[in-house]
Amino acid sequence: MDYQFRDIITTVVAELHDGALSVVRNTNHMVRVTVEDAPENGMRLFVHNSTLFVKSLTNHPTDIQMYVPETVKIVHIESKNSDVMLTELDLDQLHIGTAGDCSIHAVKAAKQTDICCEGGDIALQECDLRSMSIQLTNGSLEIWGTKLSGNNMIFATNSILGGRLRGALVDYVISAGSGINPDDVMVNGHLLSEFPERRNTQEAAWLLLAGQLNGETVLNVAK
């Protein structure tokens, strides 16, 4: 099934069950949605007040490809088990809640990013995210060349965390919160407990790690 919407859409709200959702930038002003493997009357799509609502009415695994123009600034996804893939989006707000995997590539969220993932893996690749909040349970988080700004938090339970933040050490203040031993976090080859207390942090992005991590966490900050 193929759907096209010519309305001016600023927000996408998706309520899904199982399968996969891919959201990428469209080169024109239309929103196009392709749905595969859904039974007849298994999906409901409609536009109201500049918001596109996509709702799955079936538990059958369904693959959805969504192409959105630059007018879309808010993406809100709630799913039981769907894998979520976002590519080359310029947003204000991003919210994802799922028990599947999350792959986010070349996405900008200028105001707020919320990701809640249980039992899945999260990959942040070449993103630019502000005020990021991640809740991760029984999964992993890998970061490649992603820039953070504002106040950010990663709360992980029984999970693995690592990767590379984009920028310089002076651009970040990384701290260990409840449940995290600073001696179990390595940043640019040094234990987090070895870093001196920063005084001038007005321009820095804050990243708080909390919860329970499996093994040593290795983060690198590099341009």
Protein backbone atom coordinates (compact mmCIF):
# COMPACT_ATOMS: atom_id res chain seq x y z
CA MET A 1 0.00 0.00 0.00
CA ASP A 2 1.25 3.43 -0.92
CA TYR A 3 -0.04 6.71 0.59
CA GLN A 4 0.73 10.29 -0.42
CA PHE A 5 -0.17 13.41 1.56
CA ARG A 6 0.09 16.87 0.03
CA ASP A 7 -0.89 18.69 3.24
CA ILE A 8 1.67 20.82 5.06
CA ILE A 9 2.74 18.40 7.78
CA THR A 10 4.88 19.49 10.71
CA THR A 11 4.48 16.51 13.06
CA VAL A 12 4.47 12.74 12.62
CA VAL A 13 2.96 10.51 15.31
CA ALA A 14 3.30 6.75 14.83
CA GLU A 15 1.78 4.01 17.01
CA LEU A 16 3.09 0.61 15.96
CA HIS A 17 3.33 -3.00 17.11
CA ASP A 18 5.95 -5.08 15.31
CA GLY A 19 8.09 -4.92 12.18
CA ALA A 20 10.21 -1.97 11.06
CA LEU A 21 9.78 1.77 10.47
CA SER A 22 12.15 3.76 8.28
CA VAL A 23 11.89 7.56 8.14
CA VAL A 24 14.04 9.47 5.64
CA ARG A 25 14.04 12.93 4.10
CA ASN A 26 11.99 13.48 0.98
CA THR A 27 13.21 15.78 -1.78
CA ASN A 28 9.79 17.34 -2.39
CA HIS A 29 7.00 18.76 -0.22
CA MET A 30 4.89 15.60 -0.04
CA VAL A 31 4.83 12.92 2.63
CA ARG A 32 4.90 9.45 1.15
CA VAL A 33 4.25 6.30 3.18
CA THR A 34 4.75 2.77 1.87
CA VAL A 35 3.36 -0.10 3.93
CA GLU A 36 4.35 -3.70 3.30
CA ASP A 37 3.03 -6.96 4.78
CA ALA A 38 0.06 -5.32 6.48
CA PRO A 39 -3.26 -7.15 6.21
CA GLU A 40 -6.25 -5.37 4.72
CA ASN A 41 -7.49 -2.64 7.06
CA GLY A 42 -4.42 -3.23 9.22
CA MET A 43 -3.25 0.39 9.13
CA ARG A 44 -4.87 3.75 9.74
CA LEU A 45 -3.30 6.93 8.36
CA PHE A 46 -4.80 10.42 8.48
CA VAL A 47 -3.82 14.08 8.81
CA HIS A 48 -5.27 16.47 11.39
CA ASN A 49 -3.99 19.94 12.36
CA SER A 50 -0.74 19.50 10.41
CA THR A 51 -0.04 16.18 12.14
CA LEU A 52 0.20 12.87 10.31
CA PHE A 53 -1.04 9.99 12.44
CA VAL A 54 0.10 6.48 11.55
CA LYS A 55 -1.46 3.70 13.60
CA SER A 56 -1.06 -0.04 13.26
CA LEU A 57 -4.25 -1.99 13.97
CA THR A 58 -2.59 -5.40 13.72
CA ASN A 59 0.08 -7.34 15.63
CA HIS A 60 1.37 -8.74 12.33
CA PRO A 61 4.96 -7.55 11.62
CA THR A 62 4.67 -4.64 9.20
CA ASP A 63 7.39 -2.77 7.32
CA ILE A 64 6.79 0.96 6.84
CA GLN A 65 8.90 3.36 4.78
CA MET A 66 8.15 7.02 5.34
CA TYR A 67 9.54 9.91 3.27
CA VAL A 68 9.05 13.30 4.88
CA PRO A 69 9.87 16.86 3.73
CA GLU A 70 11.78 19.51 5.68
CA THR A 71 8.51 20.91 7.09
CA VAL A 72 8.36 17.96 9.51
CA LYS A 73 9.99 19.11 12.77
CA ILE A 74 8.54 16.71 15.34
CA VAL A 75 8.66 12.91 15.14
CA HIS A 76 6.99 10.85 17.88
CA ILE A 77 7.17 7.05 17.64
CA GLU A 78 5.71 4.54 20.09
CA SER A 79 6.05 0.85 19.33
CA LYS A 80 6.07 -2.50 21.08
CA ASN A 81 8.76 -4.27 19.05
CA SER A 82 9.42 -2.38 15.82
CA ASP A 83 12.94 -1.58 14.66
CA VAL A 84 13.25 2.16 13.99
CA MET A 85 15.60 3.72 11.41
CA LEU A 86 15.86 7.48 10.92
CA THR A 87 18.11 9.05 8.27
CA GLU A 88 19.00 12.65 7.34
CA LEU A 89 16.28 14.49 9.23
CA ASP A 90 16.38 18.08 10.51
CA LEU A 91 14.02 18.14 13.50
CA ASP A 92 13.19 20.13 16.59
CA GLN A 93 11.98 17.21 18.71
CA LEU A 94 12.43 13.46 18.50
CA HIS A 95 10.80 10.82 20.68
CA ILE A 96 11.18 7.05 20.25
CA GLY A 97 9.85 4.32 22.52
CA THR A 98 10.33 0.70 21.44
CA ALA A 99 11.65 -2.73 22.36
CA GLY A 100 13.31 -3.02 18.95
CA ASP A 101 16.58 -1.64 17.63
CA CYS A 102 17.08 2.08 16.89
CA SER A 103 19.43 3.27 14.15
CA ILE A 104 19.66 7.05 13.90
CA HIS A 105 21.94 8.46 11.19
CA ALA A 106 22.65 12.10 10.29
CA VAL A 107 19.70 13.37 12.34
CA LYS A 108 19.54 16.80 13.95
CA ALA A 109 17.21 17.46 16.87
CA ALA A 110 17.57 21.11 17.83
CA LYS A 111 15.45 21.13 21.00
CA GLN A 112 14.90 17.71 22.56
CA THR A 113 15.68 14.02 22.04
CA ASP A 114 14.02 11.22 24.05
CA ILE A 115 14.73 7.55 23.41
CA CYS A 116 13.39 4.69 25.51
CA CYS A 117 14.56 1.25 24.41
CA GLU A 118 14.09 -2.08 26.17
CA GLY A 119 15.97 -5.12 24.94
CA GLY A 120 17.24 -3.44 21.77
CA ASP A 121 20.38 -1.77 20.47
CA ILE A 122 20.73 1.95 19.80
CA ALA A 123 23.16 3.37 17.23
CA LEU A 124 23.73 7.14 16.95
CA GLN A 125 25.73 7.96 13.82
CA GLU A 126 26.85 11.46 12.82
CA CYS A 127 23.96 13.14 14.66
CA ASP A 128 23.56 16.56 16.26
CA LEU A 129 21.33 16.23 19.32
CA ARG A 130 20.30 18.62 22.08
CA SER A 131 18.92 17.77 25.52
CA MET A 132 19.16 14.05 24.89
CA SER A 133 17.58 11.61 27.34
CA ILE A 134 18.12 7.90 26.79
CA GLN A 135 16.64 5.11 28.89
CA LEU A 136 18.11 1.75 27.90
CA THR A 137 17.40 -1.66 29.42
CA ASN A 138 19.15 -4.92 28.48
CA GLY A 139 20.67 -3.48 25.32
CA SER A 140 23.58 -1.49 23.95
CA LEU A 141 24.31 2.07 22.86
CA GLU A 142 26.97 2.82 20.27
CA ILE A 143 27.87 6.40 19.38
CA TRP A 144 29.79 7.39 16.25
CA GLY A 145 30.70 11.00 15.53
CA THR A 146 27.67 12.45 17.28
CA LYS A 147 27.61 15.95 18.78
CA LEU A 148 25.66 16.70 21.95
CA SER A 149 24.59 20.06 23.36
CA GLY A 150 22.65 21.18 26.42
CA ASN A 151 21.98 18.80 29.31
CA ASN A 152 22.02 15.12 28.40
CA MET A 153 21.44 11.93 30.35
CA ILE A 154 21.89 8.21 29.67
CA PHE A 155 20.20 5.92 32.19
CA ALA A 156 21.13 2.34 31.44
CA THR A 157 20.24 -0.91 33.14
CA ASN A 158 22.26 -4.03 32.40
CA SER A 159 23.53 -2.47 29.18
CA ILE A 160 26.71 -1.68 27.23
CA LEU A 161 27.77 1.84 26.25
CA GLY A 162 30.63 3.16 24.15
CA GLY A 163 31.71 5.14 21.12
CA ARG A 164 32.92 8.56 19.94
CA LEU A 165 31.45 11.99 20.60
CA ARG A 166 32.22 14.73 18.08
CA GLY A 167 34.12 17.74 19.38
CA ALA A 168 36.90 18.37 21.90
CA LEU A 169 37.18 17.47 25.58
CA VAL A 170 36.57 21.10 26.49
CA ASP A 171 33.17 20.86 24.79
CA TYR A 172 31.86 18.26 27.26
CA VAL A 173 31.39 17.65 30.95
CA ILE A 174 30.91 13.91 31.49
CA SER A 175 29.91 12.76 34.95
CA ALA A 176 28.91 9.53 36.71
CA GLY A 177 25.60 9.50 38.54
CA SER A 178 23.78 6.94 40.64
CA GLY A 179 25.02 3.39 40.15
CA ILE A 180 28.03 4.29 37.98
CA ASN A 181 31.60 3.96 39.28
CA PRO A 182 33.82 6.67 37.70
CA ASP A 183 36.63 4.09 37.63
CA ASP A 184 34.57 2.03 35.18
CA VAL A 185 34.30 4.86 32.64
CA MET A 186 37.22 5.64 30.32
CA VAL A 187 37.27 8.92 28.37
CA ASN A 188 40.06 9.53 25.85
CA GLY A 189 42.25 6.95 27.54
CA HIS A 190 41.78 8.29 31.09
CA LEU A 191 39.52 7.16 33.89
CA LEU A 192 36.64 9.53 34.53
CA SER A 193 37.75 9.74 38.17
CA GLU A 194 41.10 11.22 37.04
CA PHE A 195 39.60 14.29 35.38
CA PRO A 196 39.89 17.50 37.44
CA GLU A 197 36.80 19.48 38.34
CA ARG A 198 35.89 21.96 35.62
CA ARG A 199 35.23 25.62 36.42
CA ASN A 200 34.30 27.26 33.13
CA THR A 201 31.52 25.05 31.79
CA GLN A 202 29.02 27.58 30.45
CA GLU A 203 29.49 26.53 26.83
CA ALA A 204 29.97 22.83 27.48
CA ALA A 205 27.48 20.04 26.90
CA TRP A 206 26.72 18.00 30.02
CA LEU A 207 26.43 14.22 29.85
CA LEU A 208 25.33 12.30 32.94
CA LEU A 209 25.70 8.50 33.03
CA ALA A 210 23.55 6.65 35.53
CA GLY A 211 22.14 3.19 36.19
CA GLN A 212 24.02 -0.06 35.74
CA LEU A 213 26.46 -0.69 32.90
CA ASN A 214 27.92 -4.04 31.88
CA GLY A 215 31.71 -3.86 32.00
CA GLU A 216 33.92 -0.88 31.29
CA THR A 217 32.54 2.03 29.30
CA VAL A 218 34.93 3.56 26.75
CA LEU A 219 34.13 6.96 25.28
CA ASN A 220 36.29 9.07 23.00
CA VAL A 221 35.85 12.75 22.16
CA ALA A 222 37.38 13.73 18.84
CA LYS A 223 36.66 16.05 15.93
